[in-house]
């Protein structure tokens, strides 16, 4: 079994860790913002839950769609 060059392996792992960290940050941000929006804008707990889930999935969906659309463009 051939070993990967150290710099290639380090670069791949570093990119993977960075991608996971960014996605986790996106999920955390979307969660907290959706909780605040739901608490401030709706009255009943059921309405808050439904609205919070909608806002959460909207944040994540729009972020993933924008990332996918920007992927082909160079940095």
C-alpha atoms as a PDB file:
ATOM      1  CA  UNK A   1       0.000   0.000   0.000  1.00  0.00           C
ATOM      2  CA  UNK A   2       1.493   3.306  -1.101  1.00  0.00           C
ATOM      3  CA  UNK A   3       1.576   6.163   1.354  1.00  0.00           C
ATOM      4  CA  UNK A   4       0.348   9.589   0.346  1.00  0.00           C
ATOM      5  CA  UNK A   5       2.834  12.439   0.408  1.00  0.00           C
ATOM      6  CA  UNK A   6       2.628  14.248   3.723  1.00  0.00           C
ATOM      7  CA  UNK A   7       1.792  17.645   2.247  1.00  0.00           C
ATOM      8  CA  UNK A   8      -1.038  16.225   0.099  1.00  0.00           C
ATOM      9  CA  UNK A   9      -2.535  14.350   3.041  1.00  0.00           C
ATOM     10  CA  UNK A  10      -2.242  17.403   5.294  1.00  0.00           C
ATOM     11  CA  UNK A  11      -3.864  19.635   2.667  1.00  0.00           C
ATOM     12  CA  UNK A  12      -6.791  17.255   2.129  1.00  0.00           C
ATOM     13  CA  UNK A  13      -7.378  16.823   5.865  1.00  0.00           C
ATOM     14  CA  UNK A  14      -7.066  20.548   6.485  1.00  0.00           C
ATOM     15  CA  UNK A  15      -9.632  21.295   3.756  1.00  0.00           C
ATOM     16  CA  UNK A  16     -12.007  18.690   5.182  1.00  0.00           C
ATOM     17  CA  UNK A  17     -11.722  20.080   8.713  1.00  0.00           C
ATOM     18  CA  UNK A  18     -12.274  23.623   7.422  1.00  0.00           C
ATOM     19  CA  UNK A  19     -15.372  22.561   5.473  1.00  0.00           C
ATOM     20  CA  UNK A  20     -16.823  20.785   8.507  1.00  0.00           C
ATOM     21  CA  UNK A  21     -16.088  23.792  10.699  1.00  0.00           C
ATOM     22  CA  UNK A  22     -17.834  26.145   8.263  1.00  0.00           C
ATOM     23  CA  UNK A  23     -20.872  23.888   7.980  1.00  0.00           C
ATOM     24  CA  UNK A  24     -21.109  23.587  11.758  1.00  0.00           C
ATOM     25  CA  UNK A  25     -20.894  27.367  12.052  1.00  0.00           C
ATOM     26  CA  UNK A  26     -23.688  27.680   9.488  1.00  0.00           C
ATOM     27  CA  UNK A  27     -25.898  25.270  11.441  1.00  0.00           C
ATOM     28  CA  UNK A  28     -25.185  27.004  14.741  1.00  0.00           C
ATOM     29  CA  UNK A  29     -25.874  30.464  13.301  1.00  0.00           C
ATOM     30  CA  UNK A  30     -29.083  29.291  11.600  1.00  0.00           C
ATOM     31  CA  UNK A  31     -30.270  27.645  14.819  1.00  0.00           C
ATOM     32  CA  UNK A  32     -29.759  30.678  17.051  1.00  0.00           C
ATOM     33  CA  UNK A  33     -31.151  33.175  14.557  1.00  0.00           C
ATOM     34  CA  UNK A  34     -34.220  31.033  13.906  1.00  0.00           C
ATOM     35  CA  UNK A  35     -34.854  30.687  17.657  1.00  0.00           C
ATOM     36  CA  UNK A  36     -34.651  34.461  18.133  1.00  0.00           C
ATOM     37  CA  UNK A  37     -36.863  35.164  15.108  1.00  0.00           C
ATOM     38  CA  UNK A  38     -39.452  32.631  16.278  1.00  0.00           C
ATOM     39  CA  UNK A  39     -39.548  33.956  19.844  1.00  0.00           C
ATOM     40  CA  UNK A  40     -39.859  37.570  18.721  1.00  0.00           C
ATOM     41  CA  UNK A  41     -42.432  37.087  15.980  1.00  0.00           C
ATOM     42  CA  UNK A  42     -44.881  34.364  17.093  1.00  0.00           C
ATOM     43  CA  UNK A  43     -47.155  34.054  20.112  1.00  0.00           C
ATOM     44  CA  UNK A  44     -47.839  30.372  20.823  1.00  0.00           C
ATOM     45  CA  UNK A  45     -45.211  27.663  21.314  1.00  0.00           C
ATOM     46  CA  UNK A  46     -46.597  25.660  18.379  1.00  0.00           C
ATOM     47  CA  UNK A  47     -46.370  28.659  16.039  1.00  0.00           C
ATOM     48  CA  UNK A  48     -42.856  29.374  17.295  1.00  0.00           C
ATOM     49  CA  UNK A  49     -41.733  25.814  16.621  1.00  0.00           C
ATOM     50  CA  UNK A  50     -43.158  25.726  13.106  1.00  0.00           C
ATOM     51  CA  UNK A  51     -41.818  29.165  12.217  1.00  0.00           C
ATOM     52  CA  UNK A  52     -38.418  28.409  13.757  1.00  0.00           C
ATOM     53  CA  UNK A  53     -38.079  25.209  11.726  1.00  0.00           C
ATOM     54  CA  UNK A  54     -39.086  27.017   8.536  1.00  0.00           C
ATOM     55  CA  UNK A  55     -36.548  29.777   9.131  1.00  0.00           C
ATOM     56  CA  UNK A  56     -33.814  27.286  10.066  1.00  0.00           C
ATOM     57  CA  UNK A  57     -34.276  25.222   6.917  1.00  0.00           C
ATOM     58  CA  UNK A  58     -34.568  28.374   4.826  1.00  0.00           C
ATOM     59  CA  UNK A  59     -31.207  29.637   6.138  1.00  0.00           C
ATOM     60  CA  UNK A  60     -29.489  26.310   5.525  1.00  0.00           C
ATOM     61  CA  UNK A  61     -31.123  25.805   2.132  1.00  0.00           C
ATOM     62  CA  UNK A  62     -30.282  29.266   0.843  1.00  0.00           C
ATOM     63  CA  UNK A  63     -26.686  29.016   2.100  1.00  0.00           C
ATOM     64  CA  UNK A  64     -26.194  25.634   0.415  1.00  0.00           C
ATOM     65  CA  UNK A  65     -27.814  26.859  -2.808  1.00  0.00           C
ATOM     66  CA  UNK A  66     -25.624  29.976  -2.897  1.00  0.00           C
ATOM     67  CA  UNK A  67     -22.527  27.904  -2.183  1.00  0.00           C
ATOM     68  CA  UNK A  68     -23.449  25.513  -4.972  1.00  0.00           C
ATOM     69  CA  UNK A  69     -24.067  28.373  -7.394  1.00  0.00           C
ATOM     70  CA  UNK A  70     -20.756  30.071  -6.531  1.00  0.00           C
ATOM     71  CA  UNK A  71     -18.706  26.855  -6.712  1.00  0.00           C
ATOM     72  CA  UNK A  72     -17.735  27.119 -10.415  1.00  0.00           C
ATOM     73  CA  UNK A  73     -16.389  30.671 -10.054  1.00  0.00           C
ATOM     74  CA  UNK A  74     -12.713  31.115  -9.187  1.00  0.00           C
ATOM     75  CA  UNK A  75     -11.750  32.732  -5.909  1.00  0.00           C
END
